[in-house]
């Protein structure tokens, strides 16, 4: 019998909360069943397996992050847009470390096409319009921004910047300044 109130969406949301608490890698159907005080088998009418659950959490995280980025970018251009974009990623990772990790899950081509990943790419390219980049440089710049934002956030969350001065916020501001300068003065091939 299916437990009243349990849906795939509710399980994904509860899984996302669990990921923030214990880490994305620790999220399983069994752990979620314990959270709802139900038998594992009762969840399989809503999710196929742990991979399906993790994919749903990843899709949720990508959607949440895209919504936040879209709200932050509204009415901004140039460095203001770049800073808002980067700050949203960093803040989301700090507030929701498990969901942020979920957003990095490798999706199948079909899952990726159905995700908010395309919105992320379009918003990144929208920022770059303020820097007058054309292809293939625009693609190179998208990859640069993703690498820097994810790399910085990952290192910061891992404690890499907590052992020395200056404060990581000061470095973050300088990184954004450097990215802005690089994008304004993109090197010729």
Protein backbone atom coordinates (compact mmCIF):
# COMPACT_ATOMS: atom_id res chain seq x y z
CA UNK A 1 0.00 0.00 0.00
CA UNK A 2 1.29 3.46 -0.91
CA UNK A 3 1.78 5.77 2.06
CA UNK A 4 -0.62 8.71 1.86
CA UNK A 5 1.15 11.95 1.07
CA UNK A 6 4.29 10.46 -0.38
CA UNK A 7 5.05 11.58 -3.92
CA UNK A 8 8.19 11.60 -6.04
CA UNK A 9 8.38 15.38 -5.57
CA UNK A 10 8.04 15.15 -1.80
CA UNK A 11 10.70 12.46 -1.70
CA UNK A 12 13.05 14.60 -3.83
CA UNK A 13 12.55 17.57 -1.50
CA UNK A 14 13.11 15.43 1.59
CA UNK A 15 16.15 13.91 -0.12
CA UNK A 16 17.50 17.40 -0.80
CA UNK A 17 17.06 18.32 2.86
CA UNK A 18 18.79 15.10 3.87
CA UNK A 19 21.64 15.84 1.44
CA UNK A 20 22.16 19.25 3.07
CA UNK A 21 22.27 17.60 6.49
CA UNK A 22 24.43 14.53 5.86
CA UNK A 23 25.96 14.99 2.41
CA UNK A 24 24.68 14.08 -1.02
CA UNK A 25 26.68 10.83 -1.18
CA UNK A 26 24.90 9.60 1.96
CA UNK A 27 21.41 9.93 0.46
CA UNK A 28 19.81 6.56 -0.26
CA UNK A 29 16.28 5.23 -0.54
CA UNK A 30 16.88 3.43 2.76
CA UNK A 31 17.91 6.63 4.53
CA UNK A 32 14.85 8.39 3.17
CA UNK A 33 12.58 5.54 4.27
CA UNK A 34 13.95 5.90 7.81
CA UNK A 35 13.19 9.62 7.67
CA UNK A 36 9.54 8.93 6.80
CA UNK A 37 9.39 5.89 9.10
CA UNK A 38 8.21 3.65 6.27
CA UNK A 39 9.49 0.47 4.70
CA UNK A 40 11.94 0.90 1.84
CA UNK A 41 9.64 -1.02 -0.50
CA UNK A 42 6.92 1.63 -0.08
CA UNK A 43 9.17 4.25 -1.68
CA UNK A 44 9.77 2.20 -4.81
CA UNK A 45 6.33 3.11 -6.12
CA UNK A 46 7.63 6.71 -6.33
CA UNK A 47 11.33 6.31 -7.20
CA UNK A 48 13.02 3.48 -9.09
CA UNK A 49 16.20 3.32 -7.03
CA UNK A 50 18.83 5.51 -5.34
CA UNK A 51 20.10 6.76 -8.71
CA UNK A 52 16.59 7.91 -9.64
CA UNK A 53 16.25 9.63 -6.26
CA UNK A 54 19.62 11.37 -6.67
CA UNK A 55 18.73 12.45 -10.19
CA UNK A 56 15.49 13.98 -8.91
CA UNK A 57 17.44 15.84 -6.21
CA UNK A 58 19.90 17.09 -8.84
CA UNK A 59 17.08 18.33 -11.06
CA UNK A 60 15.49 20.08 -8.07
CA UNK A 61 18.80 21.73 -7.15
CA UNK A 62 19.45 22.90 -10.72
CA UNK A 63 15.95 24.39 -10.87
CA UNK A 64 16.31 26.17 -7.52
CA UNK A 65 19.70 27.54 -8.49
CA UNK A 66 18.45 28.72 -11.90
CA UNK A 67 15.53 30.51 -10.25
CA UNK A 68 17.87 32.29 -7.85
CA UNK A 69 20.27 33.28 -10.61
CA UNK A 70 17.44 34.59 -12.81
CA UNK A 71 16.12 36.74 -9.95
CA UNK A 72 19.61 38.07 -9.17
CA UNK A 73 20.39 38.91 -12.82
CA UNK A 74 17.18 40.85 -13.48
CA UNK A 75 18.10 44.37 -14.57
CA UNK A 76 21.86 43.85 -14.25
CA UNK A 77 24.61 43.91 -16.84
CA UNK A 78 28.39 43.77 -17.04
CA UNK A 79 30.29 43.39 -13.79
CA UNK A 80 27.13 43.76 -11.71
CA UNK A 81 25.61 40.75 -13.48
CA UNK A 82 28.85 38.78 -13.22
CA UNK A 83 29.08 39.48 -9.48
CA UNK A 84 25.42 38.65 -8.87
CA UNK A 85 25.78 35.39 -10.80
CA UNK A 86 28.89 34.32 -8.90
CA UNK A 87 27.46 35.34 -5.54
CA UNK A 88 24.32 33.27 -6.10
CA UNK A 89 26.37 30.15 -6.81
CA UNK A 90 28.57 30.71 -3.79
CA UNK A 91 25.67 31.52 -1.46
CA UNK A 92 23.65 28.52 -2.65
CA UNK A 93 26.59 26.20 -2.06
CA UNK A 94 27.05 27.56 1.46
CA UNK A 95 23.34 27.38 2.32
CA UNK A 96 22.71 24.03 0.64
CA UNK A 97 25.94 22.04 0.41
CA UNK A 98 24.19 18.76 -0.35
CA UNK A 99 22.01 20.28 -3.04
CA UNK A 100 25.01 22.04 -4.54
CA UNK A 101 26.80 18.68 -4.72
CA UNK A 102 23.67 17.20 -6.31
CA UNK A 103 23.73 19.89 -8.99
CA UNK A 104 27.11 18.48 -10.07
CA UNK A 105 25.70 14.98 -10.67
CA UNK A 106 26.46 13.70 -14.15
CA UNK A 107 23.14 13.39 -15.94
CA UNK A 108 22.29 11.35 -18.99
CA UNK A 109 21.78 13.41 -22.17
CA UNK A 110 18.00 12.99 -21.79
CA UNK A 111 18.05 14.07 -18.13
CA UNK A 112 20.29 17.02 -18.93
CA UNK A 113 18.00 18.15 -21.74
CA UNK A 114 15.02 18.08 -19.35
CA UNK A 115 16.91 19.92 -16.60
CA UNK A 116 17.45 23.59 -15.84
CA UNK A 117 21.02 23.20 -17.08
CA UNK A 118 20.06 24.91 -20.33
CA UNK A 119 18.79 27.91 -18.37
CA UNK A 120 22.14 28.11 -16.57
CA UNK A 121 23.99 28.13 -19.89
CA UNK A 122 21.68 30.77 -21.38
CA UNK A 123 22.06 33.01 -18.33
CA UNK A 124 25.84 32.67 -18.45
CA UNK A 125 25.81 33.63 -22.11
CA UNK A 126 23.52 36.55 -21.33
CA UNK A 127 26.14 37.89 -18.92
CA UNK A 128 28.78 37.55 -21.60
CA UNK A 129 26.80 39.68 -24.07
CA UNK A 130 27.87 42.61 -21.93
CA UNK A 131 31.48 41.78 -22.75
CA UNK A 132 31.14 41.63 -26.54
CA UNK A 133 32.47 38.09 -26.96
CA UNK A 134 31.69 36.06 -30.05
CA UNK A 135 32.07 32.35 -30.70
CA UNK A 136 34.17 30.39 -29.98
CA UNK A 137 35.43 32.79 -27.30
CA UNK A 138 32.01 32.92 -25.68
CA UNK A 139 32.10 29.16 -25.12
CA UNK A 140 35.62 29.43 -23.70
CA UNK A 141 34.41 32.15 -21.33
CA UNK A 142 31.41 30.09 -20.20
CA UNK A 143 33.79 27.28 -19.32
CA UNK A 144 36.14 29.69 -17.55
CA UNK A 145 33.36 31.10 -15.38
CA UNK A 146 32.00 27.67 -14.51
CA UNK A 147 35.47 26.41 -13.64
CA UNK A 148 36.36 29.39 -11.48
CA UNK A 149 33.03 29.53 -9.64
CA UNK A 150 32.86 25.80 -8.99
CA UNK A 151 36.55 25.54 -8.16
CA UNK A 152 36.49 28.43 -5.71
CA UNK A 153 33.31 27.24 -4.02
CA UNK A 154 34.59 23.66 -3.76
CA UNK A 155 37.91 24.71 -2.25
CA UNK A 156 36.25 27.14 0.14
CA UNK A 157 33.70 24.56 1.30
CA UNK A 158 36.52 22.09 1.84
CA UNK A 159 38.23 24.53 4.22
CA UNK A 160 41.15 25.35 1.93
CA UNK A 161 40.94 29.09 2.57
CA UNK A 162 40.27 29.03 6.32
CA UNK A 163 43.89 28.76 7.44
CA UNK A 164 45.34 32.03 6.25
CA UNK A 165 44.71 35.71 5.68
CA UNK A 166 43.20 37.49 3.88
CA UNK A 167 39.63 36.38 4.46
CA UNK A 168 38.07 34.33 1.66
CA UNK A 169 35.48 37.07 1.02
CA UNK A 170 38.27 39.48 0.16
CA UNK A 171 39.78 36.94 -2.22
CA UNK A 172 36.34 36.28 -3.75
CA UNK A 173 35.92 39.99 -4.50
CA UNK A 174 39.35 40.08 -6.13
CA UNK A 175 38.54 36.96 -8.18
CA UNK A 176 35.39 38.66 -9.50
CA UNK A 177 37.44 41.79 -10.32
CA UNK A 178 39.97 39.64 -12.19
CA UNK A 179 37.25 37.82 -14.12
CA UNK A 180 35.66 41.12 -15.11
CA UNK A 181 39.03 42.45 -16.28
CA UNK A 182 39.73 39.24 -18.21
CA UNK A 183 36.34 39.32 -19.93
CA UNK A 184 36.73 43.01 -20.84
CA UNK A 185 40.21 42.34 -22.26
CA UNK A 186 39.71 38.88 -23.72
CA UNK A 187 42.93 37.76 -25.43
CA UNK A 188 42.99 37.42 -29.18
CA UNK A 189 43.62 33.89 -30.48
